[in-house]
Amino acid sequence: MIVTTSRLHAVRYKLAADACLNAMGSPYKALAAFTDVVKDAKDGQEYTEAKMNGFPEAATGDIEKRMKDE
């Protein structure tokens, strides 16, 4: 678990972690947890937890189960 000082940092850490995992050939991805929409002025993108994690926000309460199953 990585705890950050801001939602934007959570987004950037998730992207970096996914890039590292991908470079290692790992089948795993990091999960991010934050509220609302985060806009990164650096790349102009808007990020949501649901888009980054690949499953709807309604299912985010189910993260523990998803981590065990997938």
C-alpha atoms as a PDB file:
ATOM      1  CA  MET A   1       0.000   0.000   0.000  1.00  0.00           C
ATOM      2  CA  ILE A   2       1.221   3.462  -0.867  1.00  0.00           C
ATOM      3  CA  VAL A   3      -0.335   6.424   0.940  1.00  0.00           C
ATOM      4  CA  THR A   4       0.122   9.762  -0.789  1.00  0.00           C
ATOM      5  CA  THR A   5      -0.310  13.403   0.138  1.00  0.00           C
ATOM      6  CA  SER A   6      -2.859  14.051  -2.611  1.00  0.00           C
ATOM      7  CA  ARG A   7      -5.249  12.386  -5.032  1.00  0.00           C
ATOM      8  CA  LEU A   8      -3.068  13.527  -7.939  1.00  0.00           C
ATOM      9  CA  HIS A   9      -0.081  11.772  -6.412  1.00  0.00           C
ATOM     10  CA  ALA A  10      -2.207   8.614  -6.021  1.00  0.00           C
ATOM     11  CA  VAL A  11      -2.954   8.760  -9.761  1.00  0.00           C
ATOM     12  CA  ARG A  12       0.698   9.248 -10.671  1.00  0.00           C
ATOM     13  CA  TYR A  13       1.893   6.463  -8.364  1.00  0.00           C
ATOM     14  CA  LYS A  14      -0.693   4.058  -9.824  1.00  0.00           C
ATOM     15  CA  LEU A  15       0.435   4.876 -13.365  1.00  0.00           C
ATOM     16  CA  ALA A  16       4.092   4.412 -12.372  1.00  0.00           C
ATOM     17  CA  ALA A  17       3.386   1.144 -10.534  1.00  0.00           C
ATOM     18  CA  ASP A  18       1.464  -0.223 -13.533  1.00  0.00           C
ATOM     19  CA  ALA A  19       4.339   0.757 -15.845  1.00  0.00           C
ATOM     20  CA  CYS A  20       6.852  -1.050 -13.611  1.00  0.00           C
ATOM     21  CA  LEU A  21       4.664  -4.147 -13.341  1.00  0.00           C
ATOM     22  CA  ASN A  22       4.177  -4.163 -17.111  1.00  0.00           C
ATOM     23  CA  ALA A  23       7.925  -3.790 -17.742  1.00  0.00           C
ATOM     24  CA  MET A  24       8.546  -6.817 -15.504  1.00  0.00           C
ATOM     25  CA  GLY A  25       6.001  -8.823 -17.480  1.00  0.00           C
ATOM     26  CA  SER A  26       3.745  -9.129 -14.453  1.00  0.00           C
ATOM     27  CA  PRO A  27       0.066  -9.973 -15.022  1.00  0.00           C
ATOM     28  CA  TYR A  28      -0.860  -7.782 -12.028  1.00  0.00           C
ATOM     29  CA  LYS A  29      -1.962  -4.143 -11.869  1.00  0.00           C
ATOM     30  CA  ALA A  30      -2.062  -1.691  -8.999  1.00  0.00           C
ATOM     31  CA  LEU A  31      -5.377  -0.447  -7.593  1.00  0.00           C
ATOM     32  CA  ALA A  32      -6.059   3.186  -6.761  1.00  0.00           C
ATOM     33  CA  ALA A  33      -8.468   4.539  -4.170  1.00  0.00           C
ATOM     34  CA  PHE A  34      -9.560   8.157  -4.270  1.00  0.00           C
ATOM     35  CA  THR A  35     -12.735  10.210  -4.578  1.00  0.00           C
ATOM     36  CA  ASP A  36     -14.139  12.369  -7.358  1.00  0.00           C
ATOM     37  CA  VAL A  37     -12.280  13.236 -10.566  1.00  0.00           C
ATOM     38  CA  VAL A  38      -8.578  14.112 -10.669  1.00  0.00           C
ATOM     39  CA  LYS A  39      -7.343  16.312 -13.493  1.00  0.00           C
ATOM     40  CA  ASP A  40      -3.616  16.196 -14.158  1.00  0.00           C
ATOM     41  CA  ALA A  41      -2.453  19.475 -15.692  1.00  0.00           C
ATOM     42  CA  LYS A  42       0.766  17.720 -16.746  1.00  0.00           C
ATOM     43  CA  ASP A  43      -0.984  15.512 -19.321  1.00  0.00           C
ATOM     44  CA  GLY A  44      -4.442  17.152 -19.460  1.00  0.00           C
ATOM     45  CA  GLN A  45      -6.137  13.857 -18.556  1.00  0.00           C
ATOM     46  CA  GLU A  46      -8.995  13.362 -16.139  1.00  0.00           C
ATOM     47  CA  TYR A  47      -8.842  10.262 -13.947  1.00  0.00           C
ATOM     48  CA  THR A  48     -11.459   8.475 -11.887  1.00  0.00           C
ATOM     49  CA  GLU A  49     -11.011   5.504  -9.625  1.00  0.00           C
ATOM     50  CA  ALA A  50     -13.368   3.436 -11.777  1.00  0.00           C
ATOM     51  CA  LYS A  51     -11.515   4.196 -15.022  1.00  0.00           C
ATOM     52  CA  MET A  52      -8.115   3.533 -13.514  1.00  0.00           C
ATOM     53  CA  ASN A  53      -9.098   0.278 -11.813  1.00  0.00           C
ATOM     54  CA  GLY A  54     -11.180  -1.038 -14.692  1.00  0.00           C
ATOM     55  CA  PHE A  55     -14.382  -1.701 -12.774  1.00  0.00           C
ATOM     56  CA  PRO A  56     -17.316   0.534 -11.767  1.00  0.00           C
ATOM     57  CA  GLU A  57     -17.248   2.636  -8.618  1.00  0.00           C
ATOM     58  CA  ALA A  58     -20.204   0.712  -7.221  1.00  0.00           C
ATOM     59  CA  ALA A  59     -17.931  -2.313  -7.101  1.00  0.00           C
ATOM     60  CA  THR A  60     -15.074  -0.545  -5.314  1.00  0.00           C
ATOM     61  CA  GLY A  61     -16.471  -1.560  -1.948  1.00  0.00           C
ATOM     62  CA  ASP A  62     -15.671  -5.030  -3.178  1.00  0.00           C
ATOM     63  CA  ILE A  63     -11.939  -4.382  -3.641  1.00  0.00           C
ATOM     64  CA  GLU A  64     -10.893  -6.927  -1.015  1.00  0.00           C
ATOM     65  CA  LYS A  65     -12.831  -9.682  -2.808  1.00  0.00           C
ATOM     66  CA  ARG A  66     -11.490  -8.620  -6.222  1.00  0.00           C
ATOM     67  CA  MET A  67      -7.918  -8.712  -4.913  1.00  0.00           C
ATOM     68  CA  LYS A  68      -8.414 -12.278  -3.689  1.00  0.00           C
ATOM     69  CA  ASP A  69     -10.230 -13.456  -6.839  1.00  0.00           C
ATOM     70  CA  GLU A  70      -8.167 -11.786  -9.559  1.00  0.00           C
END
